[in-house]
Amino acid sequence: MADSYHSLWSAFRIDSQMIFSVPSMVITIPSIEMYLATHQVEVSTIEAEIMPDEEKFLAQIKPNKQHMHKIIASIDVRLIPLYEGAINAIASDNVDHVRHATISLRELFTQILLELAPDKAFFEWDKYKSYRNNGRPTRKGRLLYICRNINYDSFTTFVDRDVSVALSFLDLLQKGTHAIEKPYDKRQMKALLIRFEHLIDFIIRISRDT
């Protein structure tokens, strides 16, 4: 993800005029996603203290609940319980709350991806069958479809790496529920939730801008 982020900004340095020909989200959102990914790793791997300025910044960039309800409902109102289920699981003291939360988040992301890149439209776009596995669309293929009208390879690569990193971390959290070692704490799960709220908002906005 760091390499793709570096490549994204290197392209702007090479052709500074390009910055005027891409949607504003290509300029602003990758930096926030990179920050949130780094923050997520930090709180998940070391006992780092979150400073007041950092907490204030996180509160500023975190999509509020009303916005998340609105943007998820714009895809399918039936998906809202998955989002609420993840929030409730994170807040609960249930011994299995990590698994419940991560399963809800993964399913929410999967359903949104399927809605934004439906099979029929994807197959019409992927005429050369470049992004299929056993005849089915790959996640990367669906993301490329969502980004299809943003003619900017470095940005599309960043989106793919961003989602891959987020989902890989989610897999680690799910595996962690079966381990005997220390459980993930609420701070780590809240960092994951902020990361995914922004990621979902990011993907949906890309689809609308294209």
C-alpha atoms as a PDB file:
ATOM      1  CA  MET A   1       0.000   0.000   0.000  1.00  0.00           C
ATOM      2  CA  ALA A   2       2.851   2.399   0.851  1.00  0.00           C
ATOM      3  CA  ASP A   3       4.491   1.702  -2.517  1.00  0.00           C
ATOM      4  CA  SER A   4       1.272   2.396  -4.423  1.00  0.00           C
ATOM      5  CA  TYR A   5       0.738   5.594  -2.415  1.00  0.00           C
ATOM      6  CA  HIS A   6       4.277   6.721  -3.281  1.00  0.00           C
ATOM      7  CA  SER A   7       3.681   5.931  -6.956  1.00  0.00           C
ATOM      8  CA  LEU A   8       0.460   7.942  -6.908  1.00  0.00           C
ATOM      9  CA  TRP A   9       2.194  11.112  -5.748  1.00  0.00           C
ATOM     10  CA  SER A  10       5.272  10.482  -7.896  1.00  0.00           C
ATOM     11  CA  ALA A  11       3.018  10.608 -10.941  1.00  0.00           C
ATOM     12  CA  PHE A  12       1.792  14.048  -9.895  1.00  0.00           C
ATOM     13  CA  ARG A  13       5.370  15.265  -9.517  1.00  0.00           C
ATOM     14  CA  ILE A  14       6.202  14.068 -13.027  1.00  0.00           C
ATOM     15  CA  ASP A  15       3.111  15.682 -14.552  1.00  0.00           C
ATOM     16  CA  SER A  16       1.876  18.428 -12.241  1.00  0.00           C
ATOM     17  CA  GLN A  17      -0.901  19.429 -14.669  1.00  0.00           C
ATOM     18  CA  MET A  18      -2.528  16.041 -14.125  1.00  0.00           C
ATOM     19  CA  ILE A  19      -3.716  17.186 -10.722  1.00  0.00           C
ATOM     20  CA  PHE A  20      -6.289  19.408 -12.449  1.00  0.00           C
ATOM     21  CA  SER A  21      -7.750  16.583 -14.529  1.00  0.00           C
ATOM     22  CA  VAL A  22      -8.668  14.108 -11.778  1.00  0.00           C
ATOM     23  CA  PRO A  23     -11.546  14.150  -9.252  1.00  0.00           C
ATOM     24  CA  SER A  24     -10.771  15.884  -5.959  1.00  0.00           C
ATOM     25  CA  MET A  25     -11.009  12.569  -4.096  1.00  0.00           C
ATOM     26  CA  VAL A  26      -7.930  11.329  -5.969  1.00  0.00           C
ATOM     27  CA  ILE A  27      -6.001  14.148  -4.280  1.00  0.00           C
ATOM     28  CA  THR A  28      -7.479  14.100  -0.782  1.00  0.00           C
ATOM     29  CA  ILE A  29      -8.765  10.665   0.196  1.00  0.00           C
ATOM     30  CA  PRO A  30      -5.638   8.505  -0.397  1.00  0.00           C
ATOM     31  CA  SER A  31      -3.762  10.528   2.242  1.00  0.00           C
ATOM     32  CA  ILE A  32      -6.517   9.895   4.798  1.00  0.00           C
ATOM     33  CA  GLU A  33      -6.638   6.202   3.894  1.00  0.00           C
ATOM     34  CA  MET A  34      -2.866   5.949   4.289  1.00  0.00           C
ATOM     35  CA  TYR A  35      -3.068   7.632   7.683  1.00  0.00           C
ATOM     36  CA  LEU A  36      -5.881   5.369   8.868  1.00  0.00           C
ATOM     37  CA  ALA A  37      -4.044   2.248   7.695  1.00  0.00           C
ATOM     38  CA  THR A  38      -0.942   3.355   9.615  1.00  0.00           C
ATOM     39  CA  HIS A  39      -3.015   4.202  12.692  1.00  0.00           C
ATOM     40  CA  GLN A  40      -4.706   0.813  12.506  1.00  0.00           C
ATOM     41  CA  VAL A  41      -1.359  -0.983  12.413  1.00  0.00           C
ATOM     42  CA  GLU A  42       0.004   1.152  15.240  1.00  0.00           C
ATOM     43  CA  VAL A  43      -2.812   0.473  17.703  1.00  0.00           C
ATOM     44  CA  SER A  44      -2.843  -3.208  16.749  1.00  0.00           C
ATOM     45  CA  THR A  45       0.839  -3.959  17.200  1.00  0.00           C
ATOM     46  CA  ILE A  46       2.189  -1.695  19.958  1.00  0.00           C
ATOM     47  CA  GLU A  47       0.935  -0.129  23.177  1.00  0.00           C
ATOM     48  CA  ALA A  48       0.991   3.363  21.738  1.00  0.00           C
ATOM     49  CA  GLU A  49      -0.720   6.206  23.545  1.00  0.00           C
ATOM     50  CA  ILE A  50      -3.099   8.207  21.389  1.00  0.00           C
ATOM     51  CA  MET A  51      -2.400  11.904  21.873  1.00  0.00           C
ATOM     52  CA  PRO A  52      -5.235  14.448  22.203  1.00  0.00           C
ATOM     53  CA  ASP A  53      -4.428  16.031  18.825  1.00  0.00           C
ATOM     54  CA  GLU A  54      -4.633  12.617  17.163  1.00  0.00           C
ATOM     55  CA  GLU A  55      -7.969  11.856  18.833  1.00  0.00           C
ATOM     56  CA  LYS A  56      -9.275  15.218  17.652  1.00  0.00           C
ATOM     57  CA  PHE A  57      -8.136  14.524  14.084  1.00  0.00           C
ATOM     58  CA  LEU A  58      -9.698  11.049  14.098  1.00  0.00           C
ATOM     59  CA  ALA A  59     -12.994  12.553  15.254  1.00  0.00           C
ATOM     60  CA  GLN A  60     -12.849  15.069  12.413  1.00  0.00           C
ATOM     61  CA  ILE A  61     -12.271  12.543   9.622  1.00  0.00           C
ATOM     62  CA  LYS A  62     -14.527   9.793  10.971  1.00  0.00           C
ATOM     63  CA  PRO A  63     -17.805   9.583   8.999  1.00  0.00           C
ATOM     64  CA  ASN A  64     -20.670  10.086  11.448  1.00  0.00           C
ATOM     65  CA  LYS A  65     -23.324   7.440  11.976  1.00  0.00           C
ATOM     66  CA  GLN A  66     -26.014   9.414  10.169  1.00  0.00           C
ATOM     67  CA  HIS A  67     -23.810   9.746   7.094  1.00  0.00           C
ATOM     68  CA  MET A  68     -22.984   6.036   7.140  1.00  0.00           C
ATOM     69  CA  HIS A  69     -26.669   5.114   7.372  1.00  0.00           C
ATOM     70  CA  LYS A  70     -27.452   7.421   4.453  1.00  0.00           C
ATOM     71  CA  ILE A  71     -24.671   6.174   2.186  1.00  0.00           C
ATOM     72  CA  ILE A  72     -25.269   2.491   2.981  1.00  0.00           C
ATOM     73  CA  ALA A  73     -29.014   2.916   2.455  1.00  0.00           C
ATOM     74  CA  SER A  74     -28.253   4.477  -0.945  1.00  0.00           C
ATOM     75  CA  ILE A  75     -26.912   1.049  -1.909  1.00  0.00           C
ATOM     76  CA  ASP A  76     -29.446  -1.100  -0.055  1.00  0.00           C
ATOM     77  CA  VAL A  77     -31.255  -0.246   3.173  1.00  0.00           C
ATOM     78  CA  ARG A  78     -31.183  -3.933   4.117  1.00  0.00           C
ATOM     79  CA  LEU A  79     -27.409  -3.631   4.640  1.00  0.00           C
ATOM     80  CA  ILE A  80     -27.750  -1.249   7.586  1.00  0.00           C
ATOM     81  CA  PRO A  81     -28.209  -4.099  10.130  1.00  0.00           C
ATOM     82  CA  LEU A  82     -24.754  -5.421   9.149  1.00  0.00           C
ATOM     83  CA  TYR A  83     -23.242  -2.036  10.007  1.00  0.00           C
ATOM     84  CA  GLU A  84     -25.232  -1.767  13.226  1.00  0.00           C
ATOM     85  CA  GLY A  85     -24.338  -5.351  14.097  1.00  0.00           C
ATOM     86  CA  ALA A  86     -20.629  -4.560  13.844  1.00  0.00           C
ATOM     87  CA  ILE A  87     -21.012  -1.451  16.025  1.00  0.00           C
ATOM     88  CA  ASN A  88     -23.004  -3.352  18.646  1.00  0.00           C
ATOM     89  CA  ALA A  89     -20.533  -6.237  18.660  1.00  0.00           C
ATOM     90  CA  ILE A  90     -17.580  -3.909  19.198  1.00  0.00           C
ATOM     91  CA  ALA A  91     -19.354  -2.183  22.078  1.00  0.00           C
ATOM     92  CA  SER A  92     -20.406  -5.432  23.759  1.00  0.00           C
ATOM     93  CA  ASP A  93     -18.549  -7.530  26.305  1.00  0.00           C
ATOM     94  CA  ASN A  94     -19.387 -10.752  24.484  1.00  0.00           C
ATOM     95  CA  VAL A  95     -16.367 -13.062  24.494  1.00  0.00           C
ATOM     96  CA  ASP A  96     -16.857 -13.613  20.745  1.00  0.00           C
ATOM     97  CA  HIS A  97     -17.464  -9.965  19.819  1.00  0.00           C
ATOM     98  CA  VAL A  98     -14.404  -9.685  17.526  1.00  0.00           C
ATOM     99  CA  ARG A  99     -15.588 -12.482  15.256  1.00  0.00           C
ATOM    100  CA  HIS A 100     -19.127 -11.108  15.155  1.00  0.00           C
ATOM    101  CA  ALA A 101     -17.902  -7.618  14.253  1.00  0.00           C
ATOM    102  CA  THR A 102     -15.427  -8.678  11.593  1.00  0.00           C
ATOM    103  CA  ILE A 103     -17.858 -11.066   9.904  1.00  0.00           C
ATOM    104  CA  SER A 104     -20.443  -8.264   9.697  1.00  0.00           C
ATOM    105  CA  LEU A 105     -17.898  -5.828   8.258  1.00  0.00           C
ATOM    106  CA  ARG A 106     -16.630  -8.290   5.658  1.00  0.00           C
ATOM    107  CA  GLU A 107     -20.154  -9.165   4.566  1.00  0.00           C
ATOM    108  CA  LEU A 108     -21.098  -5.490   4.393  1.00  0.00           C
ATOM    109  CA  PHE A 109     -18.117  -4.734   2.171  1.00  0.00           C
ATOM    110  CA  THR A 110     -18.785  -7.768  -0.040  1.00  0.00           C
ATOM    111  CA  GLN A 111     -22.433  -6.835  -0.571  1.00  0.00           C
ATOM    112  CA  ILE A 112     -21.556  -3.226  -1.412  1.00  0.00           C
ATOM    113  CA  LEU A 113     -18.937  -4.397  -3.900  1.00  0.00           C
ATOM    114  CA  LEU A 114     -21.479  -6.713  -5.552  1.00  0.00           C
ATOM    115  CA  GLU A 115     -23.985  -3.875  -5.836  1.00  0.00           C
ATOM    116  CA  LEU A 116     -21.467  -1.411  -7.289  1.00  0.00           C
ATOM    117  CA  ALA A 117     -20.021  -3.954  -9.728  1.00  0.00           C
ATOM    118  CA  PRO A 118     -22.872  -6.376 -10.553  1.00  0.00           C
ATOM    119  CA  ASP A 119     -22.077  -9.505 -12.531  1.00  0.00           C
ATOM    120  CA  LYS A 120     -23.906  -8.548 -15.722  1.00  0.00           C
ATOM    121  CA  ALA A 121     -22.290  -5.123 -16.025  1.00  0.00           C
ATOM    122  CA  PHE A 122     -18.901  -6.528 -15.029  1.00  0.00           C
ATOM    123  CA  PHE A 123     -18.969  -9.280 -17.669  1.00  0.00           C
ATOM    124  CA  GLU A 124     -19.921  -6.775 -20.373  1.00  0.00           C
ATOM    125  CA  TRP A 125     -16.969  -4.616 -19.332  1.00  0.00           C
ATOM    126  CA  ASP A 126     -14.457  -7.469 -18.918  1.00  0.00           C
ATOM    127  CA  LYS A 127     -14.700  -8.600 -22.549  1.00  0.00           C
ATOM    128  CA  TYR A 128     -11.284 -10.283 -22.565  1.00  0.00           C
ATOM    129  CA  LYS A 129     -11.925 -12.185 -19.312  1.00  0.00           C
ATOM    130  CA  SER A 130      -8.865 -10.592 -17.752  1.00  0.00           C
ATOM    131  CA  TYR A 131     -10.208 -10.391 -14.206  1.00  0.00           C
ATOM    132  CA  ARG A 132     -11.934 -13.674 -13.564  1.00  0.00           C
ATOM    133  CA  ASN A 133     -11.163 -16.722 -11.472  1.00  0.00           C
ATOM    134  CA  ASN A 134     -13.013 -19.907 -12.344  1.00  0.00           C
ATOM    135  CA  GLY A 135     -15.385 -17.808 -14.384  1.00  0.00           C
ATOM    136  CA  ARG A 136     -16.232 -15.448 -11.523  1.00  0.00           C
ATOM    137  CA  PRO A 137     -15.183 -11.781 -11.145  1.00  0.00           C
ATOM    138  CA  THR A 138     -12.199 -11.219  -8.880  1.00  0.00           C
ATOM    139  CA  ARG A 139     -12.338  -8.549  -6.188  1.00  0.00           C
ATOM    140  CA  LYS A 140      -9.633  -6.625  -8.059  1.00  0.00           C
ATOM    141  CA  GLY A 141     -11.712  -6.873 -11.226  1.00  0.00           C
ATOM    142  CA  ARG A 142     -14.776  -5.452  -9.515  1.00  0.00           C
ATOM    143  CA  LEU A 143     -12.699  -2.585  -8.110  1.00  0.00           C
ATOM    144  CA  LEU A 144     -11.260  -1.859 -11.551  1.00  0.00           C
ATOM    145  CA  TYR A 145     -14.802  -1.802 -12.884  1.00  0.00           C
ATOM    146  CA  ILE A 146     -15.832   0.718 -10.216  1.00  0.00           C
ATOM    147  CA  CYS A 147     -12.828   2.878 -11.162  1.00  0.00           C
ATOM    148  CA  ARG A 148     -13.279   2.323 -14.898  1.00  0.00           C
ATOM    149  CA  ASN A 149     -13.921   5.969 -15.798  1.00  0.00           C
ATOM    150  CA  ILE A 150     -11.095   7.341 -13.706  1.00  0.00           C
ATOM    151  CA  ASN A 151      -8.374   6.980 -16.281  1.00  0.00           C
ATOM    152  CA  TYR A 152      -5.596   6.988 -13.761  1.00  0.00           C
ATOM    153  CA  ASP A 153      -3.739   3.723 -13.223  1.00  0.00           C
ATOM    154  CA  SER A 154      -1.848   4.741 -10.081  1.00  0.00           C
ATOM    155  CA  PHE A 155      -5.085   5.660  -8.315  1.00  0.00           C
ATOM    156  CA  THR A 156      -6.756   2.374  -9.276  1.00  0.00           C
ATOM    157  CA  THR A 157      -3.706   0.472  -8.013  1.00  0.00           C
ATOM    158  CA  PHE A 158      -3.847   2.374  -4.723  1.00  0.00           C
ATOM    159  CA  VAL A 159      -7.545   1.534  -4.282  1.00  0.00           C
ATOM    160  CA  ASP A 160      -6.806  -2.145  -4.888  1.00  0.00           C
ATOM    161  CA  ARG A 161      -3.909  -2.184  -2.395  1.00  0.00           C
ATOM    162  CA  ASP A 162      -5.936  -0.199   0.138  1.00  0.00           C
ATOM    163  CA  VAL A 163      -8.795  -2.694   0.116  1.00  0.00           C
ATOM    164  CA  SER A 164      -6.418  -5.670   0.121  1.00  0.00           C
ATOM    165  CA  VAL A 165      -4.619  -4.353   3.213  1.00  0.00           C
ATOM    166  CA  ALA A 166      -7.896  -3.692   5.012  1.00  0.00           C
ATOM    167  CA  LEU A 167      -9.329  -7.126   4.239  1.00  0.00           C
ATOM    168  CA  SER A 168      -6.060  -8.881   5.102  1.00  0.00           C
ATOM    169  CA  PHE A 169      -6.079  -7.209   8.501  1.00  0.00           C
ATOM    170  CA  LEU A 170      -9.682  -8.228   8.970  1.00  0.00           C
ATOM    171  CA  ASP A 171      -8.668 -11.828   8.277  1.00  0.00           C
ATOM    172  CA  LEU A 172      -6.010 -11.549  10.987  1.00  0.00           C
ATOM    173  CA  LEU A 173      -8.580 -10.300  13.467  1.00  0.00           C
ATOM    174  CA  GLN A 174     -10.890 -13.203  12.675  1.00  0.00           C
ATOM    175  CA  LYS A 175      -8.051 -15.684  13.097  1.00  0.00           C
ATOM    176  CA  GLY A 176      -7.192 -13.991  16.375  1.00  0.00           C
ATOM    177  CA  THR A 177     -10.544 -14.970  17.839  1.00  0.00           C
ATOM    178  CA  HIS A 178      -9.405 -18.585  17.851  1.00  0.00           C
ATOM    179  CA  ALA A 179      -6.045 -17.909  19.490  1.00  0.00           C
ATOM    180  CA  ILE A 180      -5.275 -18.431  23.185  1.00  0.00           C
ATOM    181  CA  GLU A 181      -3.113 -15.296  23.285  1.00  0.00           C
ATOM    182  CA  LYS A 182      -4.394 -11.903  24.393  1.00  0.00           C
ATOM    183  CA  PRO A 183      -7.632 -10.776  22.744  1.00  0.00           C
ATOM    184  CA  TYR A 184      -7.920  -7.608  20.682  1.00  0.00           C
ATOM    185  CA  ASP A 185      -9.133  -4.712  22.775  1.00  0.00           C
ATOM    186  CA  LYS A 186     -11.879  -2.199  22.070  1.00  0.00           C
ATOM    187  CA  ARG A 187      -9.445   0.484  20.954  1.00  0.00           C
ATOM    188  CA  GLN A 188      -8.110  -1.817  18.249  1.00  0.00           C
ATOM    189  CA  MET A 189     -11.612  -2.735  17.125  1.00  0.00           C
ATOM    190  CA  LYS A 190     -12.669   0.929  17.055  1.00  0.00           C
ATOM    191  CA  ALA A 191      -9.661   1.682  14.843  1.00  0.00           C
ATOM    192  CA  LEU A 192     -10.789  -1.095  12.516  1.00  0.00           C
ATOM    193  CA  LEU A 193     -14.321   0.311  12.420  1.00  0.00           C
ATOM    194  CA  ILE A 194     -13.115   3.836  11.550  1.00  0.00           C
ATOM    195  CA  ARG A 195     -10.901   2.340   8.838  1.00  0.00           C
ATOM    196  CA  PHE A 196     -13.805   0.464   7.289  1.00  0.00           C
ATOM    197  CA  GLU A 197     -16.301   3.299   7.554  1.00  0.00           C
ATOM    198  CA  HIS A 198     -13.961   5.496   5.569  1.00  0.00           C
ATOM    199  CA  LEU A 199     -13.158   2.695   3.116  1.00  0.00           C
ATOM    200  CA  ILE A 200     -16.822   2.014   2.379  1.00  0.00           C
ATOM    201  CA  ASP A 201     -17.480   5.731   1.951  1.00  0.00           C
ATOM    202  CA  PHE A 202     -14.434   5.904  -0.349  1.00  0.00           C
ATOM    203  CA  ILE A 203     -15.574   3.061  -2.616  1.00  0.00           C
ATOM    204  CA  ILE A 204     -19.129   4.361  -2.908  1.00  0.00           C
ATOM    205  CA  ARG A 205     -17.933   7.875  -3.725  1.00  0.00           C
ATOM    206  CA  ILE A 206     -15.652   6.495  -6.431  1.00  0.00           C
ATOM    207  CA  SER A 207     -18.602   4.725  -8.008  1.00  0.00           C
ATOM    208  CA  ARG A 208     -20.673   7.923  -7.991  1.00  0.00           C
ATOM    209  CA  ASP A 209     -17.906  10.084  -9.432  1.00  0.00           C
ATOM    210  CA  THR A 210     -17.355   7.680 -12.298  1.00  0.00           C
END
